[in-house]
Amino acid sequence: MSKRLQVVLDGEEYAEIGRAAEEARLTVSAWVRQALREARAAAGRAGVREAGPAYAGEPDRAVSVRVGLTPALHGKLRDRAQREHRSVAGEAAYLLERALADAESLSLLELEGLGAPLWEGEDAAAHVARERDAWD
């Protein structure tokens, strides 16, 4: 059973998430789930204990986002929100804000061609065949 999470964002934040999702060739919902998972994992490893973002937007300027979460992910988000003394929506907004800040400096497109000299003149099929033979 999946759980739904509603997060209130202003129009600019929502547009930014939409652009990031489009660049990643994901739906907004899939991008948000991925960003939440990545931010949770990064925060857990780093032991981050920062205050959540202050939302000073007017309700009439806010955008509502609905994201379907698995029960396991919702439970982890709820537990983290309790530890951080935030609401589930506040924690989700905080994690999204952090993920977007990190995403601005990173792009998968920057990895294009990485390691190309190592594969120059290498036949991929022959390489795979050698690796498979080595497994026996």
C-alpha atoms as a PDB file:
ATOM      1  CA  MET A   1       0.000   0.000   0.000  1.00  0.00           C
ATOM      2  CA  SER A   2       1.315   3.413  -0.945  1.00  0.00           C
ATOM      3  CA  LYS A   3       0.945   6.600   1.071  1.00  0.00           C
ATOM      4  CA  ARG A   4       0.390  10.066  -0.343  1.00  0.00           C
ATOM      5  CA  LEU A   5       2.360  13.058   0.817  1.00  0.00           C
ATOM      6  CA  GLN A   6       1.256  16.591   0.103  1.00  0.00           C
ATOM      7  CA  VAL A   7       3.959  19.257   0.098  1.00  0.00           C
ATOM      8  CA  VAL A   8       3.266  22.973  -0.278  1.00  0.00           C
ATOM      9  CA  LEU A   9       5.718  24.793  -2.564  1.00  0.00           C
ATOM     10  CA  ASP A  10       5.641  28.223  -4.119  1.00  0.00           C
ATOM     11  CA  GLY A  11       5.379  28.437  -7.900  1.00  0.00           C
ATOM     12  CA  GLU A  12       9.089  29.061  -8.440  1.00  0.00           C
ATOM     13  CA  GLU A  13      10.096  26.009  -6.390  1.00  0.00           C
ATOM     14  CA  TYR A  14       7.614  23.826  -8.245  1.00  0.00           C
ATOM     15  CA  ALA A  15       8.877  25.074 -11.619  1.00  0.00           C
ATOM     16  CA  GLU A  16      12.461  24.350 -10.550  1.00  0.00           C
ATOM     17  CA  ILE A  17      11.525  20.801  -9.558  1.00  0.00           C
ATOM     18  CA  GLY A  18       9.710  20.393 -12.869  1.00  0.00           C
ATOM     19  CA  ARG A  19      12.808  21.463 -14.792  1.00  0.00           C
ATOM     20  CA  ALA A  20      15.038  19.123 -12.766  1.00  0.00           C
ATOM     21  CA  ALA A  21      12.626  16.229 -13.364  1.00  0.00           C
ATOM     22  CA  GLU A  22      12.494  16.972 -17.078  1.00  0.00           C
ATOM     23  CA  GLU A  23      16.293  17.060 -17.313  1.00  0.00           C
ATOM     24  CA  ALA A  24      16.429  13.691 -15.551  1.00  0.00           C
ATOM     25  CA  ARG A  25      13.682  12.384 -17.860  1.00  0.00           C
ATOM     26  CA  LEU A  26      11.495  11.566 -14.859  1.00  0.00           C
ATOM     27  CA  THR A  27       8.026  12.544 -13.788  1.00  0.00           C
ATOM     28  CA  VAL A  28       7.896  15.132 -11.019  1.00  0.00           C
ATOM     29  CA  SER A  29       6.624  12.445  -8.662  1.00  0.00           C
ATOM     30  CA  ALA A  30       9.471  10.034  -9.495  1.00  0.00           C
ATOM     31  CA  TRP A  31      12.060  12.813  -9.240  1.00  0.00           C
ATOM     32  CA  VAL A  32      10.745  13.890  -5.837  1.00  0.00           C
ATOM     33  CA  ARG A  33      10.834  10.318  -4.513  1.00  0.00           C
ATOM     34  CA  GLN A  34      14.394   9.899  -5.797  1.00  0.00           C
ATOM     35  CA  ALA A  35      15.494  13.252  -4.359  1.00  0.00           C
ATOM     36  CA  LEU A  36      13.996  12.404  -0.973  1.00  0.00           C
ATOM     37  CA  ARG A  37      15.755   9.037  -0.877  1.00  0.00           C
ATOM     38  CA  GLU A  38      19.096  10.559  -1.857  1.00  0.00           C
ATOM     39  CA  ALA A  39      18.796  13.440   0.599  1.00  0.00           C
ATOM     40  CA  ARG A  40      17.831  11.096   3.432  1.00  0.00           C
ATOM     41  CA  ALA A  41      20.781   8.841   2.685  1.00  0.00           C
ATOM     42  CA  ALA A  42      23.203  11.764   2.503  1.00  0.00           C
ATOM     43  CA  ALA A  43      21.870  13.343   5.683  1.00  0.00           C
ATOM     44  CA  GLY A  44      22.014  10.028   7.516  1.00  0.00           C
ATOM     45  CA  ARG A  45      25.650   9.464   6.591  1.00  0.00           C
ATOM     46  CA  ALA A  46      26.672  13.000   7.444  1.00  0.00           C
ATOM     47  CA  GLY A  47      24.693  13.186  10.685  1.00  0.00           C
ATOM     48  CA  VAL A  48      23.180  16.490   9.568  1.00  0.00           C
ATOM     49  CA  ARG A  49      21.063  18.206  12.193  1.00  0.00           C
ATOM     50  CA  GLU A  50      20.141  21.500  10.553  1.00  0.00           C
ATOM     51  CA  ALA A  51      16.954  23.442  11.047  1.00  0.00           C
ATOM     52  CA  GLY A  52      14.328  23.059   8.349  1.00  0.00           C
ATOM     53  CA  PRO A  53      13.548  25.758   5.817  1.00  0.00           C
ATOM     54  CA  ALA A  54      11.311  28.590   6.871  1.00  0.00           C
ATOM     55  CA  TYR A  55       8.278  28.824   4.581  1.00  0.00           C
ATOM     56  CA  ALA A  56       7.159  32.419   4.475  1.00  0.00           C
ATOM     57  CA  GLY A  57       5.021  32.128   1.347  1.00  0.00           C
ATOM     58  CA  GLU A  58       1.424  33.226   1.216  1.00  0.00           C
ATOM     59  CA  PRO A  59      -1.060  30.331   0.956  1.00  0.00           C
ATOM     60  CA  ASP A  60      -2.521  31.809  -2.236  1.00  0.00           C
ATOM     61  CA  ARG A  61       0.952  31.677  -3.840  1.00  0.00           C
ATOM     62  CA  ALA A  62       1.669  28.105  -2.784  1.00  0.00           C
ATOM     63  CA  VAL A  63       1.589  25.087  -5.066  1.00  0.00           C
ATOM     64  CA  SER A  64       0.396  21.756  -3.775  1.00  0.00           C
ATOM     65  CA  VAL A  65       2.346  18.667  -4.847  1.00  0.00           C
ATOM     66  CA  ARG A  66       1.052  15.159  -4.300  1.00  0.00           C
ATOM     67  CA  VAL A  67       3.563  12.343  -4.279  1.00  0.00           C
ATOM     68  CA  GLY A  68       2.775   8.650  -3.867  1.00  0.00           C
ATOM     69  CA  LEU A  69       5.177   7.067  -1.381  1.00  0.00           C
ATOM     70  CA  THR A  70       5.601   3.429  -0.513  1.00  0.00           C
ATOM     71  CA  PRO A  71       4.717   2.622   3.104  1.00  0.00           C
ATOM     72  CA  ALA A  72       8.387   1.962   3.846  1.00  0.00           C
ATOM     73  CA  LEU A  73       9.521   5.318   2.473  1.00  0.00           C
ATOM     74  CA  HIS A  74       6.663   7.131   4.212  1.00  0.00           C
ATOM     75  CA  GLY A  75       7.616   5.474   7.498  1.00  0.00           C
ATOM     76  CA  LYS A  76      11.255   6.507   7.129  1.00  0.00           C
ATOM     77  CA  LEU A  77      10.236  10.059   6.269  1.00  0.00           C
ATOM     78  CA  ARG A  78       7.836  10.165   9.235  1.00  0.00           C
ATOM     79  CA  ASP A  79      10.513   8.821  11.606  1.00  0.00           C
ATOM     80  CA  ARG A  80      13.059  11.340  10.349  1.00  0.00           C
ATOM     81  CA  ALA A  81      10.529  14.167  10.673  1.00  0.00           C
ATOM     82  CA  GLN A  82       9.880  13.181  14.298  1.00  0.00           C
ATOM     83  CA  ARG A  83      13.619  13.101  15.062  1.00  0.00           C
ATOM     84  CA  GLU A  84      14.057  16.529  13.490  1.00  0.00           C
ATOM     85  CA  HIS A  85      10.921  17.952  15.195  1.00  0.00           C
ATOM     86  CA  ARG A  86       9.225  18.733  11.903  1.00  0.00           C
ATOM     87  CA  SER A  87       6.001  17.740  10.226  1.00  0.00           C
ATOM     88  CA  VAL A  88       6.238  15.113   7.493  1.00  0.00           C
ATOM     89  CA  ALA A  89       5.490  17.804   4.892  1.00  0.00           C
ATOM     90  CA  GLY A  90       8.083  20.120   6.452  1.00  0.00           C
ATOM     91  CA  GLU A  91      10.708  17.378   6.368  1.00  0.00           C
ATOM     92  CA  ALA A  92       9.864  16.562   2.739  1.00  0.00           C
ATOM     93  CA  ALA A  93      10.152  20.248   1.783  1.00  0.00           C
ATOM     94  CA  TYR A  94      13.475  20.505   3.645  1.00  0.00           C
ATOM     95  CA  LEU A  95      14.893  17.436   1.895  1.00  0.00           C
ATOM     96  CA  LEU A  96      13.687  18.666  -1.494  1.00  0.00           C
ATOM     97  CA  GLU A  97      15.250  22.069  -0.903  1.00  0.00           C
ATOM     98  CA  ARG A  98      18.590  20.468  -0.040  1.00  0.00           C
ATOM     99  CA  ALA A  99      18.401  18.084  -3.010  1.00  0.00           C
ATOM    100  CA  LEU A 100      17.699  20.971  -5.378  1.00  0.00           C
ATOM    101  CA  ALA A 101      20.585  22.978  -3.972  1.00  0.00           C
ATOM    102  CA  ASP A 102      22.896  19.997  -4.540  1.00  0.00           C
ATOM    103  CA  ALA A 103      21.386  19.302  -7.984  1.00  0.00           C
ATOM    104  CA  GLU A 104      22.285  22.785  -9.197  1.00  0.00           C
ATOM    105  CA  SER A 105      25.962  21.947  -8.917  1.00  0.00           C
ATOM    106  CA  LEU A 106      25.725  18.403 -10.327  1.00  0.00           C
ATOM    107  CA  SER A 107      24.605  17.094 -13.682  1.00  0.00           C
ATOM    108  CA  LEU A 108      24.840  13.637 -15.204  1.00  0.00           C
ATOM    109  CA  LEU A 109      25.610  15.348 -18.495  1.00  0.00           C
ATOM    110  CA  GLU A 110      28.940  16.435 -16.999  1.00  0.00           C
ATOM    111  CA  LEU A 111      29.937  12.743 -16.900  1.00  0.00           C
ATOM    112  CA  GLU A 112      29.647  12.348 -20.678  1.00  0.00           C
ATOM    113  CA  GLY A 113      32.900  11.016 -22.059  1.00  0.00           C
ATOM    114  CA  LEU A 114      34.359  10.247 -18.636  1.00  0.00           C
ATOM    115  CA  GLY A 115      36.823   7.386 -19.005  1.00  0.00           C
ATOM    116  CA  ALA A 116      36.624   7.428 -22.807  1.00  0.00           C
ATOM    117  CA  PRO A 117      40.419   7.099 -23.225  1.00  0.00           C
ATOM    118  CA  LEU A 118      40.308   3.828 -21.257  1.00  0.00           C
ATOM    119  CA  TRP A 119      37.916   2.306 -23.788  1.00  0.00           C
ATOM    120  CA  GLU A 120      39.562   3.670 -26.923  1.00  0.00           C
ATOM    121  CA  GLY A 121      40.159   0.813 -29.349  1.00  0.00           C
ATOM    122  CA  GLU A 122      38.427  -1.686 -27.010  1.00  0.00           C
ATOM    123  CA  ASP A 123      35.747  -3.961 -28.432  1.00  0.00           C
ATOM    124  CA  ALA A 124      32.945  -3.973 -25.869  1.00  0.00           C
ATOM    125  CA  ALA A 125      31.637  -7.412 -26.893  1.00  0.00           C
ATOM    126  CA  ALA A 126      35.107  -8.942 -26.640  1.00  0.00           C
ATOM    127  CA  HIS A 127      35.626  -7.324 -23.236  1.00  0.00           C
ATOM    128  CA  VAL A 128      32.340  -8.728 -21.936  1.00  0.00           C
ATOM    129  CA  ALA A 129      33.195 -12.180 -23.322  1.00  0.00           C
ATOM    130  CA  ARG A 130      36.587 -12.107 -21.528  1.00  0.00           C
ATOM    131  CA  GLU A 131      34.920 -11.088 -18.262  1.00  0.00           C
ATOM    132  CA  ARG A 132      32.317 -13.859 -18.543  1.00  0.00           C
ATOM    133  CA  ASP A 133      35.017 -16.438 -19.297  1.00  0.00           C
ATOM    134  CA  ALA A 134      36.871 -15.321 -16.169  1.00  0.00           C
ATOM    135  CA  TRP A 135      33.825 -16.154 -14.025  1.00  0.00           C
ATOM    136  CA  ASP A 136      34.076 -19.886 -14.744  1.00  0.00           C
END
